[in-house]
């Protein structure tokens, strides 16, 4: 059993979320997630503002090494940060 305590959050229904190489729309898309997935939020960082399913946010979620998604499409239950800021 994993001792990793990173929580996974659902991506907005019906959304094929683009994963970028950094916390902003100026970074390239490195892959697209299928609909219905849950993503780990390792840390969060401010970036470009995005309007999505869950409102408008400048918070970007790190879901893996060099993999970022806009928090506006992730159902974290809050408009604010849910974990540590990426350092």
N, C-alpha and C. Protein backbone atom coordinates (compact mmCIF):
# COMPACT_ATOMS: atom_id res chain seq x y z
N UNK A 1 0.84 -1.19 0.00
CA UNK A 1 0.00 0.00 0.00
C UNK A 1 0.88 1.25 0.00
N UNK A 2 0.48 2.22 -0.77
CA UNK A 2 1.27 3.44 -0.89
C UNK A 2 1.10 4.32 0.34
N UNK A 3 2.18 4.96 0.75
CA UNK A 3 2.11 5.91 1.86
C UNK A 3 1.94 7.33 1.33
N UNK A 4 1.76 7.45 0.01
CA UNK A 4 1.57 8.76 -0.61
C UNK A 4 0.22 9.33 -0.18
N UNK A 5 0.24 10.52 0.40
CA UNK A 5 -1.00 11.10 0.91
C UNK A 5 -1.58 12.16 -0.03
N UNK A 6 -1.12 12.19 -1.27
CA UNK A 6 -1.62 13.17 -2.23
C UNK A 6 -3.06 12.81 -2.58
N UNK A 7 -3.96 13.77 -2.42
CA UNK A 7 -5.38 13.54 -2.70
C UNK A 7 -5.65 13.70 -4.19
N UNK A 8 -6.57 12.88 -4.69
CA UNK A 8 -6.98 12.98 -6.09
C UNK A 8 -8.33 13.68 -6.17
N UNK A 9 -8.46 14.53 -7.18
CA UNK A 9 -9.68 15.31 -7.37
C UNK A 9 -10.24 15.03 -8.75
N UNK A 10 -11.58 15.03 -8.89
CA UNK A 10 -12.17 14.77 -10.21
C UNK A 10 -12.07 15.97 -11.16
N UNK A 11 -11.79 15.66 -12.41
CA UNK A 11 -11.82 16.67 -13.47
C UNK A 11 -13.29 16.88 -13.85
N UNK A 12 -13.64 18.08 -14.26
CA UNK A 12 -15.02 18.42 -14.62
C UNK A 12 -15.61 17.40 -15.60
N UNK A 13 -16.88 17.04 -15.41
CA UNK A 13 -17.52 16.05 -16.28
C UNK A 13 -17.48 16.46 -17.75
N UNK A 14 -17.15 15.52 -18.60
CA UNK A 14 -17.15 15.75 -20.04
C UNK A 14 -15.96 16.53 -20.57
N UNK A 15 -15.02 16.88 -19.70
CA UNK A 15 -13.86 17.68 -20.12
C UNK A 15 -12.65 16.78 -20.38
N UNK A 16 -12.07 16.95 -21.56
CA UNK A 16 -10.79 16.31 -21.86
C UNK A 16 -9.74 17.38 -21.57
N UNK A 17 -9.18 17.31 -20.39
CA UNK A 17 -8.33 18.39 -19.89
C UNK A 17 -6.94 18.35 -20.50
N UNK A 18 -6.50 19.52 -20.98
CA UNK A 18 -5.16 19.64 -21.54
C UNK A 18 -4.14 19.79 -20.41
N UNK A 19 -3.09 19.01 -20.50
CA UNK A 19 -1.99 19.06 -19.55
C UNK A 19 -0.87 19.87 -20.19
N UNK A 20 -0.38 20.87 -19.46
CA UNK A 20 0.67 21.74 -19.99
C UNK A 20 1.98 21.54 -19.26
N UNK A 21 3.06 22.03 -19.87
CA UNK A 21 4.40 21.84 -19.32
C UNK A 21 4.74 22.84 -18.21
N UNK A 22 3.83 23.79 -17.95
CA UNK A 22 4.05 24.78 -16.90
C UNK A 22 2.72 25.38 -16.48
N UNK A 23 2.73 26.23 -15.44
CA UNK A 23 1.49 26.77 -14.89
C UNK A 23 0.94 27.97 -15.66
N UNK A 24 0.51 27.74 -16.89
CA UNK A 24 -0.05 28.82 -17.68
C UNK A 24 -0.35 28.39 -19.10
N UNK A 25 -1.21 29.18 -19.75
CA UNK A 25 -1.59 28.85 -21.12
C UNK A 25 -0.48 29.11 -22.13
N UNK A 26 0.57 29.81 -21.70
CA UNK A 26 1.69 30.05 -22.61
C UNK A 26 2.59 28.83 -22.75
N UNK A 27 2.40 27.83 -21.87
CA UNK A 27 3.19 26.60 -21.94
C UNK A 27 2.53 25.62 -22.90
N UNK A 28 3.34 24.81 -23.53
CA UNK A 28 2.82 23.86 -24.51
C UNK A 28 1.99 22.75 -23.89
N UNK A 29 1.05 22.24 -24.70
CA UNK A 29 0.23 21.09 -24.29
C UNK A 29 1.06 19.83 -24.50
N UNK A 30 1.19 19.03 -23.44
CA UNK A 30 2.00 17.81 -23.55
C UNK A 30 1.15 16.55 -23.67
N UNK A 31 -0.10 16.64 -23.22
CA UNK A 31 -1.03 15.53 -23.42
C UNK A 31 -2.43 16.01 -23.05
N UNK A 32 -3.42 15.19 -23.37
CA UNK A 32 -4.80 15.48 -23.02
C UNK A 32 -5.33 14.31 -22.21
N UNK A 33 -5.95 14.62 -21.07
CA UNK A 33 -6.49 13.58 -20.22
C UNK A 33 -7.86 13.13 -20.74
N UNK A 34 -8.18 11.84 -20.59
CA UNK A 34 -9.52 11.39 -20.99
C UNK A 34 -10.57 11.91 -20.01
N UNK A 35 -11.82 11.90 -20.42
CA UNK A 35 -12.89 12.36 -19.54
C UNK A 35 -13.04 11.39 -18.36
N UNK A 36 -13.52 11.94 -17.24
CA UNK A 36 -13.83 11.10 -16.09
C UNK A 36 -12.67 10.72 -15.20
N UNK A 37 -11.52 11.35 -15.38
CA UNK A 37 -10.36 10.98 -14.56
C UNK A 37 -10.30 11.81 -13.28
N UNK A 38 -9.55 11.30 -12.33
CA UNK A 38 -9.22 12.03 -11.10
C UNK A 38 -7.72 12.30 -11.15
N UNK A 39 -7.33 13.51 -10.76
CA UNK A 39 -5.91 13.87 -10.84
C UNK A 39 -5.35 14.13 -9.45
N UNK A 40 -4.08 13.75 -9.23
CA UNK A 40 -3.43 14.09 -7.97
C UNK A 40 -3.01 15.55 -8.01
N UNK A 41 -3.15 16.26 -6.91
CA UNK A 41 -2.67 17.64 -6.84
C UNK A 41 -1.49 17.65 -5.88
N UNK A 42 -0.28 17.61 -6.46
CA UNK A 42 0.94 17.53 -5.66
C UNK A 42 1.26 18.85 -4.97
N UNK A 43 1.07 19.93 -5.73
CA UNK A 43 1.28 21.28 -5.22
C UNK A 43 0.57 22.21 -6.20
N UNK A 44 0.45 23.48 -5.84
CA UNK A 44 -0.25 24.44 -6.69
C UNK A 44 0.58 25.71 -6.83
N UNK A 45 0.36 26.40 -7.95
CA UNK A 45 1.12 27.61 -8.24
C UNK A 45 0.24 28.61 -8.98
N UNK A 46 0.46 29.91 -8.75
CA UNK A 46 -0.29 30.89 -9.53
C UNK A 46 0.24 30.94 -10.97
N UNK A 47 -0.66 31.21 -11.90
CA UNK A 47 -0.27 31.31 -13.31
C UNK A 47 -1.28 32.16 -14.04
N UNK A 48 -1.46 31.89 -15.33
CA UNK A 48 -2.41 32.67 -16.10
C UNK A 48 -3.84 32.36 -15.67
N UNK A 49 -4.71 33.38 -15.80
CA UNK A 49 -6.12 33.23 -15.44
C UNK A 49 -6.83 32.42 -16.52
N UNK A 50 -7.66 31.48 -16.08
CA UNK A 50 -8.43 30.63 -16.99
C UNK A 50 -9.87 30.57 -16.48
N UNK A 51 -10.82 30.67 -17.41
CA UNK A 51 -12.22 30.47 -17.05
C UNK A 51 -12.62 29.08 -17.49
N UNK A 52 -13.11 28.30 -16.55
CA UNK A 52 -13.47 26.91 -16.84
C UNK A 52 -14.78 26.53 -16.18
N UNK A 53 -15.01 25.26 -16.08
CA UNK A 53 -16.24 24.71 -15.52
C UNK A 53 -16.51 25.22 -14.10
N UNK A 54 -15.46 25.36 -13.31
CA UNK A 54 -15.62 25.76 -11.91
C UNK A 54 -15.23 27.20 -11.65
N UNK A 55 -15.45 28.06 -12.65
CA UNK A 55 -15.20 29.48 -12.45
C UNK A 55 -13.91 29.95 -13.09
N UNK A 56 -13.44 31.11 -12.66
CA UNK A 56 -12.22 31.69 -13.19
C UNK A 56 -11.15 31.65 -12.10
N UNK A 57 -9.98 31.13 -12.46
CA UNK A 57 -8.92 30.94 -11.47
C UNK A 57 -7.56 31.15 -12.11
N UNK A 58 -6.60 31.60 -11.30
CA UNK A 58 -5.21 31.66 -11.76
C UNK A 58 -4.38 30.58 -11.06
N UNK A 59 -5.05 29.65 -10.39
CA UNK A 59 -4.35 28.56 -9.71
C UNK A 59 -4.14 27.41 -10.70
N UNK A 60 -2.92 26.92 -10.73
CA UNK A 60 -2.57 25.77 -11.56
C UNK A 60 -2.14 24.62 -10.67
N UNK A 61 -2.61 23.42 -11.00
CA UNK A 61 -2.34 22.23 -10.21
C UNK A 61 -1.23 21.41 -10.85
N UNK A 62 -0.22 21.06 -10.06
CA UNK A 62 0.84 20.17 -10.53
C UNK A 62 0.35 18.74 -10.32
N UNK A 63 0.20 17.99 -11.41
CA UNK A 63 -0.32 16.63 -11.31
C UNK A 63 0.76 15.57 -11.57
N UNK A 64 1.97 16.04 -11.83
CA UNK A 64 3.08 15.12 -12.09
C UNK A 64 4.31 15.94 -12.41
N UNK A 65 5.41 15.27 -12.66
CA UNK A 65 6.66 15.94 -12.95
C UNK A 65 6.54 16.72 -14.26
N UNK A 66 6.48 18.07 -14.15
CA UNK A 66 6.35 18.90 -15.33
C UNK A 66 4.99 18.86 -15.98
N UNK A 67 3.95 18.44 -15.21
CA UNK A 67 2.60 18.34 -15.75
C UNK A 67 1.66 19.23 -14.94
N UNK A 68 0.98 20.16 -15.64
CA UNK A 68 0.13 21.16 -14.99
C UNK A 68 -1.23 21.23 -15.65
N UNK A 69 -2.27 21.43 -14.81
CA UNK A 69 -3.62 21.65 -15.32
C UNK A 69 -4.23 22.85 -14.60
N UNK A 70 -5.15 23.53 -15.26
CA UNK A 70 -5.83 24.66 -14.64
C UNK A 70 -6.80 24.17 -13.59
N UNK A 71 -6.75 24.79 -12.41
CA UNK A 71 -7.65 24.44 -11.31
C UNK A 71 -9.11 24.77 -11.63
N UNK A 72 -9.35 25.59 -12.65
CA UNK A 72 -10.71 25.95 -13.04
C UNK A 72 -11.49 24.74 -13.57
N UNK A 73 -10.79 23.65 -13.86
CA UNK A 73 -11.43 22.43 -14.37
C UNK A 73 -11.33 21.26 -13.40
N UNK A 74 -10.81 21.51 -12.20
CA UNK A 74 -10.64 20.44 -11.22
C UNK A 74 -11.54 20.74 -10.02
N UNK A 75 -12.35 19.77 -9.62
CA UNK A 75 -13.30 19.99 -8.52
C UNK A 75 -12.61 19.75 -7.18
N UNK A 76 -12.01 20.82 -6.65
CA UNK A 76 -11.33 20.72 -5.36
C UNK A 76 -12.25 21.12 -4.21
N UNK A 77 -13.39 21.71 -4.54
CA UNK A 77 -14.34 22.11 -3.51
C UNK A 77 -14.11 23.52 -2.97
N UNK A 78 -13.15 24.24 -3.53
CA UNK A 78 -12.85 25.59 -3.08
C UNK A 78 -12.28 26.41 -4.23
N UNK A 79 -12.37 27.73 -4.11
CA UNK A 79 -11.75 28.61 -5.10
C UNK A 79 -10.29 28.90 -4.76
N UNK A 80 -9.85 28.44 -3.59
CA UNK A 80 -8.50 28.73 -3.13
C UNK A 80 -7.58 27.52 -3.23
N UNK A 81 -6.45 27.65 -2.59
CA UNK A 81 -5.45 26.58 -2.59
C UNK A 81 -5.89 25.44 -1.68
N UNK A 82 -5.66 24.21 -2.11
CA UNK A 82 -6.02 23.03 -1.31
C UNK A 82 -4.78 22.27 -0.82
N UNK A 83 -3.61 22.71 -1.24
CA UNK A 83 -2.38 22.06 -0.82
C UNK A 83 -1.25 23.09 -0.87
N UNK A 84 -0.03 22.64 -0.66
CA UNK A 84 1.11 23.55 -0.59
C UNK A 84 1.39 24.19 -1.94
N UNK A 85 1.99 25.35 -1.89
CA UNK A 85 2.44 25.99 -3.14
C UNK A 85 3.71 25.31 -3.60
N UNK A 86 3.85 25.20 -4.91
CA UNK A 86 5.04 24.58 -5.47
C UNK A 86 6.23 25.50 -5.21
N UNK A 87 7.33 24.94 -4.86
CA UNK A 87 8.47 25.76 -4.54
C UNK A 87 9.59 25.54 -5.48
